[in-house]
Amino acid sequence: MNGYIGLYRGRRAECHAATSYEAQKILAKKLKARKSYEVTVVLAEKDGDDVVHTFVD
């Protein structure tokens, strides 16, 4: 299970799921989104290790 962060309209929630799609469905319910595709999902933890995302211009 991996850890995910979900973002929806300025709100944030976390969950653990096997896939990002599964996480998106779980987070949509937690964040009360009308459609699951409106929730942005980001991988935060994989196999117990933190995941760091870097953005380069």
PDB file of N, CA and C in Angstrom:
ATOM      1  N   MET A   1       0.843  -1.188   0.000  1.00  0.00           N
ATOM      2  CA  MET A   1       0.000   0.000   0.000  1.00  0.00           C
ATOM      3  C   MET A   1       0.883   1.244   0.000  1.00  0.00           C
ATOM      4  N   ASN A   2       0.478   2.203  -0.783  1.00  0.00           N
ATOM      5  CA  ASN A   2       1.199   3.463  -0.895  1.00  0.00           C
ATOM      6  C   ASN A   2       0.380   4.580  -0.263  1.00  0.00           C
ATOM      7  N   GLY A   3       1.055   5.629   0.165  1.00  0.00           N
ATOM      8  CA  GLY A   3       0.384   6.782   0.749  1.00  0.00           C
ATOM      9  C   GLY A   3       0.166   7.853  -0.307  1.00  0.00           C
ATOM     10  N   TYR A   4      -1.016   8.426  -0.321  1.00  0.00           N
ATOM     11  CA  TYR A   4      -1.376   9.455  -1.304  1.00  0.00           C
ATOM     12  C   TYR A   4      -1.950  10.677  -0.614  1.00  0.00           C
ATOM     13  N   ILE A   5      -1.771  11.829  -1.258  1.00  0.00           N
ATOM     14  CA  ILE A   5      -2.379  13.079  -0.824  1.00  0.00           C
ATOM     15  C   ILE A   5      -3.349  13.502  -1.909  1.00  0.00           C
ATOM     16  N   GLY A   6      -4.533  13.912  -1.502  1.00  0.00           N
ATOM     17  CA  GLY A   6      -5.540  14.377  -2.449  1.00  0.00           C
ATOM     18  C   GLY A   6      -5.844  15.848  -2.229  1.00  0.00           C
ATOM     19  N   LEU A   7      -5.987  16.585  -3.320  1.00  0.00           N
ATOM     20  CA  LEU A   7      -6.285  18.012  -3.275  1.00  0.00           C
ATOM     21  C   LEU A   7      -7.565  18.284  -4.045  1.00  0.00           C
ATOM     22  N   TYR A   8      -8.456  19.057  -3.413  1.00  0.00           N
ATOM     23  CA  TYR A   8      -9.731  19.388  -4.052  1.00  0.00           C
ATOM     24  C   TYR A   8     -10.235  20.710  -3.497  1.00  0.00           C
ATOM     25  N   ARG A   9     -10.310  21.715  -4.349  1.00  0.00           N
ATOM     26  CA  ARG A   9     -10.854  23.032  -3.994  1.00  0.00           C
ATOM     27  C   ARG A   9     -10.270  23.595  -2.700  1.00  0.00           C
ATOM     28  N   GLY A  10      -8.957  23.569  -2.588  1.00  0.00           N
ATOM     29  CA  GLY A  10      -8.290  24.147  -1.429  1.00  0.00           C
ATOM     30  C   GLY A  10      -8.263  23.259  -0.204  1.00  0.00           C
ATOM     31  N   ARG A  11      -8.824  22.068  -0.310  1.00  0.00           N
ATOM     32  CA  ARG A  11      -8.809  21.136   0.813  1.00  0.00           C
ATOM     33  C   ARG A  11      -7.818  20.020   0.520  1.00  0.00           C
ATOM     34  N   ARG A  12      -7.366  19.336   1.573  1.00  0.00           N
ATOM     35  CA  ARG A  12      -6.336  18.304   1.459  1.00  0.00           C
ATOM     36  C   ARG A  12      -6.721  17.130   2.343  1.00  0.00           C
ATOM     37  N   ALA A  13      -6.478  15.914   1.857  1.00  0.00           N
ATOM     38  CA  ALA A  13      -6.718  14.704   2.642  1.00  0.00           C
ATOM     39  C   ALA A  13      -5.670  13.668   2.265  1.00  0.00           C
ATOM     40  N   GLU A  14      -5.489  12.689   3.139  1.00  0.00           N
ATOM     41  CA  GLU A  14      -4.506  11.635   2.915  1.00  0.00           C
ATOM     42  C   GLU A  14      -5.169  10.272   3.025  1.00  0.00           C
ATOM     43  N   CYS A  15      -4.587   9.287   2.316  1.00  0.00           N
ATOM     44  CA  CYS A  15      -5.081   7.915   2.419  1.00  0.00           C
ATOM     45  C   CYS A  15      -3.995   6.948   1.978  1.00  0.00           C
ATOM     46  N   HIS A  16      -4.229   5.669   2.218  1.00  0.00           N
ATOM     47  CA  HIS A  16      -3.355   4.599   1.746  1.00  0.00           C
ATOM     48  C   HIS A  16      -4.172   3.741   0.789  1.00  0.00           C
ATOM     49  N   ALA A  17      -3.569   3.393  -0.351  1.00  0.00           N
ATOM     50  CA  ALA A  17      -4.247   2.579  -1.346  1.00  0.00           C
ATOM     51  C   ALA A  17      -3.213   1.856  -2.195  1.00  0.00           C
ATOM     52  N   ALA A  18      -3.668   0.841  -2.916  1.00  0.00           N
ATOM     53  CA  ALA A  18      -2.769   0.059  -3.763  1.00  0.00           C
ATOM     54  C   ALA A  18      -2.433   0.794  -5.057  1.00  0.00           C
ATOM     55  N   THR A  19      -3.397   1.563  -5.592  1.00  0.00           N
ATOM     56  CA  THR A  19      -3.180   2.282  -6.852  1.00  0.00           C
ATOM     57  C   THR A  19      -3.641   3.731  -6.707  1.00  0.00           C
ATOM     58  N   SER A  20      -3.187   4.575  -7.618  1.00  0.00           N
ATOM     59  CA  SER A  20      -3.599   5.980  -7.569  1.00  0.00           C
ATOM     60  C   SER A  20      -5.089   6.122  -7.899  1.00  0.00           C
ATOM     61  N   TYR A  21      -5.609   5.254  -8.739  1.00  0.00           N
ATOM     62  CA  TYR A  21      -7.043   5.302  -9.075  1.00  0.00           C
ATOM     63  C   TYR A  21      -7.891   4.959  -7.850  1.00  0.00           C
ATOM     64  N   GLU A  22      -7.483   3.937  -7.128  1.00  0.00           N
ATOM     65  CA  GLU A  22      -8.182   3.565  -5.895  1.00  0.00           C
ATOM     66  C   GLU A  22      -8.119   4.711  -4.892  1.00  0.00           C
ATOM     67  N   ALA A  23      -6.956   5.333  -4.770  1.00  0.00           N
ATOM     68  CA  ALA A  23      -6.777   6.469  -3.866  1.00  0.00           C
ATOM     69  C   ALA A  23      -7.671   7.625  -4.282  1.00  0.00           C
ATOM     70  N   GLN A  24      -7.787   7.865  -5.578  1.00  0.00           N
ATOM     71  CA  GLN A  24      -8.617   8.955  -6.082  1.00  0.00           C
ATOM     72  C   GLN A  24     -10.078   8.751  -5.688  1.00  0.00           C
ATOM     73  N   LYS A  25     -10.562   7.523  -5.771  1.00  0.00           N
ATOM     74  CA  LYS A  25     -11.947   7.234  -5.387  1.00  0.00           C
ATOM     75  C   LYS A  25     -12.148   7.418  -3.884  1.00  0.00           C
ATOM     76  N   ILE A  26     -11.197   6.951  -3.072  1.00  0.00           N
ATOM     77  CA  ILE A  26     -11.281   7.100  -1.612  1.00  0.00           C
ATOM     78  C   ILE A  26     -11.250   8.574  -1.227  1.00  0.00           C
ATOM     79  N   LEU A  27     -10.324   9.325  -1.823  1.00  0.00           N
ATOM     80  CA  LEU A  27     -10.172  10.743  -1.490  1.00  0.00           C
ATOM     81  C   LEU A  27     -11.352  11.575  -1.970  1.00  0.00           C
ATOM     82  N   ALA A  28     -11.970  11.189  -3.069  1.00  0.00           N
ATOM     83  CA  ALA A  28     -13.150  11.904  -3.554  1.00  0.00           C
ATOM     84  C   ALA A  28     -14.278  11.823  -2.523  1.00  0.00           C
ATOM     85  N   LYS A  29     -14.415  10.664  -1.896  1.00  0.00           N
ATOM     86  CA  LYS A  29     -15.436  10.511  -0.853  1.00  0.00           C
ATOM     87  C   LYS A  29     -15.084  11.340   0.380  1.00  0.00           C
ATOM     88  N   LYS A  30     -13.803  11.286   0.781  1.00  0.00           N
ATOM     89  CA  LYS A  30     -13.363  12.051   1.959  1.00  0.00           C
ATOM     90  C   LYS A  30     -13.533  13.553   1.755  1.00  0.00           C
ATOM     91  N   LEU A  31     -13.212  14.024   0.553  1.00  0.00           N
ATOM     92  CA  LEU A  31     -13.261  15.456   0.265  1.00  0.00           C
ATOM     93  C   LEU A  31     -14.619  15.908  -0.263  1.00  0.00           C
ATOM     94  N   LYS A  32     -15.543  14.962  -0.405  1.00  0.00           N
ATOM     95  CA  LYS A  32     -16.903  15.234  -0.868  1.00  0.00           C
ATOM     96  C   LYS A  32     -16.926  15.888  -2.253  1.00  0.00           C
ATOM     97  N   ALA A  33     -16.104  15.342  -3.146  1.00  0.00           N
ATOM     98  CA  ALA A  33     -16.070  15.821  -4.528  1.00  0.00           C
ATOM     99  C   ALA A  33     -17.225  15.184  -5.296  1.00  0.00           C
ATOM    100  N   ARG A  34     -17.776  15.908  -6.243  1.00  0.00           N
ATOM    101  CA  ARG A  34     -18.880  15.360  -7.040  1.00  0.00           C
ATOM    102  C   ARG A  34     -18.392  14.235  -7.942  1.00  0.00           C
ATOM    103  N   LYS A  35     -17.237  14.426  -8.549  1.00  0.00           N
ATOM    104  CA  LYS A  35     -16.656  13.431  -9.444  1.00  0.00           C
ATOM    105  C   LYS A  35     -15.236  13.127  -8.976  1.00  0.00           C
ATOM    106  N   SER A  36     -14.822  11.877  -9.042  1.00  0.00           N
ATOM    107  CA  SER A  36     -13.492  11.511  -8.560  1.00  0.00           C
ATOM    108  C   SER A  36     -12.392  12.139  -9.410  1.00  0.00           C
ATOM    109  N   TYR A  37     -12.656  12.384 -10.699  1.00  0.00           N
ATOM    110  CA  TYR A  37     -11.621  12.965 -11.557  1.00  0.00           C
ATOM    111  C   TYR A  37     -11.327  14.427 -11.225  1.00  0.00           C
ATOM    112  N   GLU A  38     -12.121  15.053 -10.381  1.00  0.00           N
ATOM    113  CA  GLU A  38     -11.860  16.426  -9.952  1.00  0.00           C
ATOM    114  C   GLU A  38     -10.793  16.492  -8.856  1.00  0.00           C
ATOM    115  N   VAL A  39     -10.442  15.355  -8.279  1.00  0.00           N
ATOM    116  CA  VAL A  39      -9.464  15.297  -7.189  1.00  0.00           C
ATOM    117  C   VAL A  39      -8.074  15.032  -7.771  1.00  0.00           C
ATOM    118  N   THR A  40      -7.119  15.873  -7.413  1.00  0.00           N
ATOM    119  CA  THR A  40      -5.727  15.683  -7.821  1.00  0.00           C
ATOM    120  C   THR A  40      -5.059  14.785  -6.797  1.00  0.00           C
ATOM    121  N   VAL A  41      -4.420  13.719  -7.278  1.00  0.00           N
ATOM    122  CA  VAL A  41      -3.788  12.744  -6.392  1.00  0.00           C
ATOM    123  C   VAL A  41      -2.275  12.771  -6.610  1.00  0.00           C
ATOM    124  N   VAL A  42      -1.528  12.820  -5.497  1.00  0.00           N
ATOM    125  CA  VAL A  42      -0.068  12.859  -5.548  1.00  0.00           C
ATOM    126  C   VAL A  42       0.478  11.748  -4.660  1.00  0.00           C
ATOM    127  N   LEU A  43       1.426  10.995  -5.190  1.00  0.00           N
ATOM    128  CA  LEU A  43       2.080   9.938  -4.413  1.00  0.00           C
ATOM    129  C   LEU A  43       2.956  10.581  -3.341  1.00  0.00           C
ATOM    130  N   ALA A  44       2.772  10.169  -2.085  1.00  0.00           N
ATOM    131  CA  ALA A  44       3.528  10.758  -0.978  1.00  0.00           C
ATOM    132  C   ALA A  44       4.424   9.742  -0.280  1.00  0.00           C
ATOM    133  N   GLU A  45       4.067   8.463  -0.361  1.00  0.00           N
ATOM    134  CA  GLU A  45       4.823   7.425   0.342  1.00  0.00           C
ATOM    135  C   GLU A  45       4.751   6.134  -0.465  1.00  0.00           C
ATOM    136  N   LYS A  46       5.906   5.511  -0.694  1.00  0.00           N
ATOM    137  CA  LYS A  46       5.941   4.254  -1.433  1.00  0.00           C
ATOM    138  C   LYS A  46       6.761   3.243  -0.647  1.00  0.00           C
ATOM    139  N   ASP A  47       6.152   2.123  -0.325  1.00  0.00           N
ATOM    140  CA  ASP A  47       6.800   1.055   0.445  1.00  0.00           C
ATOM    141  C   ASP A  47       7.402   1.570   1.747  1.00  0.00           C
ATOM    142  N   GLY A  48       6.721   2.496   2.403  1.00  0.00           N
ATOM    143  CA  GLY A  48       7.164   3.012   3.692  1.00  0.00           C
ATOM    144  C   GLY A  48       8.167   4.146   3.624  1.00  0.00           C
ATOM    145  N   ASP A  49       8.636   4.495   2.429  1.00  0.00           N
ATOM    146  CA  ASP A  49       9.592   5.590   2.260  1.00  0.00           C
ATOM    147  C   ASP A  49       8.902   6.809   1.674  1.00  0.00           C
ATOM    148  N   ASP A  50       9.273   7.990   2.155  1.00  0.00           N
ATOM    149  CA  ASP A  50       8.705   9.229   1.624  1.00  0.00           C
ATOM    150  C   ASP A  50       9.135   9.426   0.172  1.00  0.00           C
ATOM    151  N   VAL A  51       8.231  10.006  -0.622  1.00  0.00           N
ATOM    152  CA  VAL A  51       8.518  10.325  -2.013  1.00  0.00           C
ATOM    153  C   VAL A  51       8.667  11.831  -2.119  1.00  0.00           C
ATOM    154  N   VAL A  52       9.748  12.283  -2.732  1.00  0.00           N
ATOM    155  CA  VAL A  52       9.995  13.708  -2.895  1.00  0.00           C
ATOM    156  C   VAL A  52       9.831  14.055  -4.372  1.00  0.00           C
ATOM    157  N   HIS A  53       8.999  15.052  -4.640  1.00  0.00           N
ATOM    158  CA  HIS A  53       8.778  15.520  -6.009  1.00  0.00           C
ATOM    159  C   HIS A  53       9.543  16.831  -6.190  1.00  0.00           C
ATOM    160  N   THR A  54      10.262  16.940  -7.284  1.00  0.00           N
ATOM    161  CA  THR A  54      10.953  18.185  -7.593  1.00  0.00           C
ATOM    162  C   THR A  54      10.461  18.694  -8.936  1.00  0.00           C
ATOM    163  N   PHE A  55      10.321  19.995  -9.045  1.00  0.00           N
ATOM    164  CA  PHE A  55       9.854  20.612 -10.259  1.00  0.00           C
ATOM    165  C   PHE A  55      10.962  21.504 -10.802  1.00  0.00           C
ATOM    166  N   VAL A  56      11.272  21.331 -12.061  1.00  0.00           N
ATOM    167  CA  VAL A  56      12.335  22.109 -12.706  1.00  0.00           C
ATOM    168  C   VAL A  56      11.704  22.963 -13.790  1.00  0.00           C
ATOM    169  N   ASP A  57      12.075  24.223 -13.809  1.00  0.00           N
ATOM    170  CA  ASP A  57      11.538  25.114 -14.845  1.00  0.00           C
ATOM    171  C   ASP A  57      12.214  24.882 -16.159  1.00  0.00           C
TER     172      ASP A  57
END
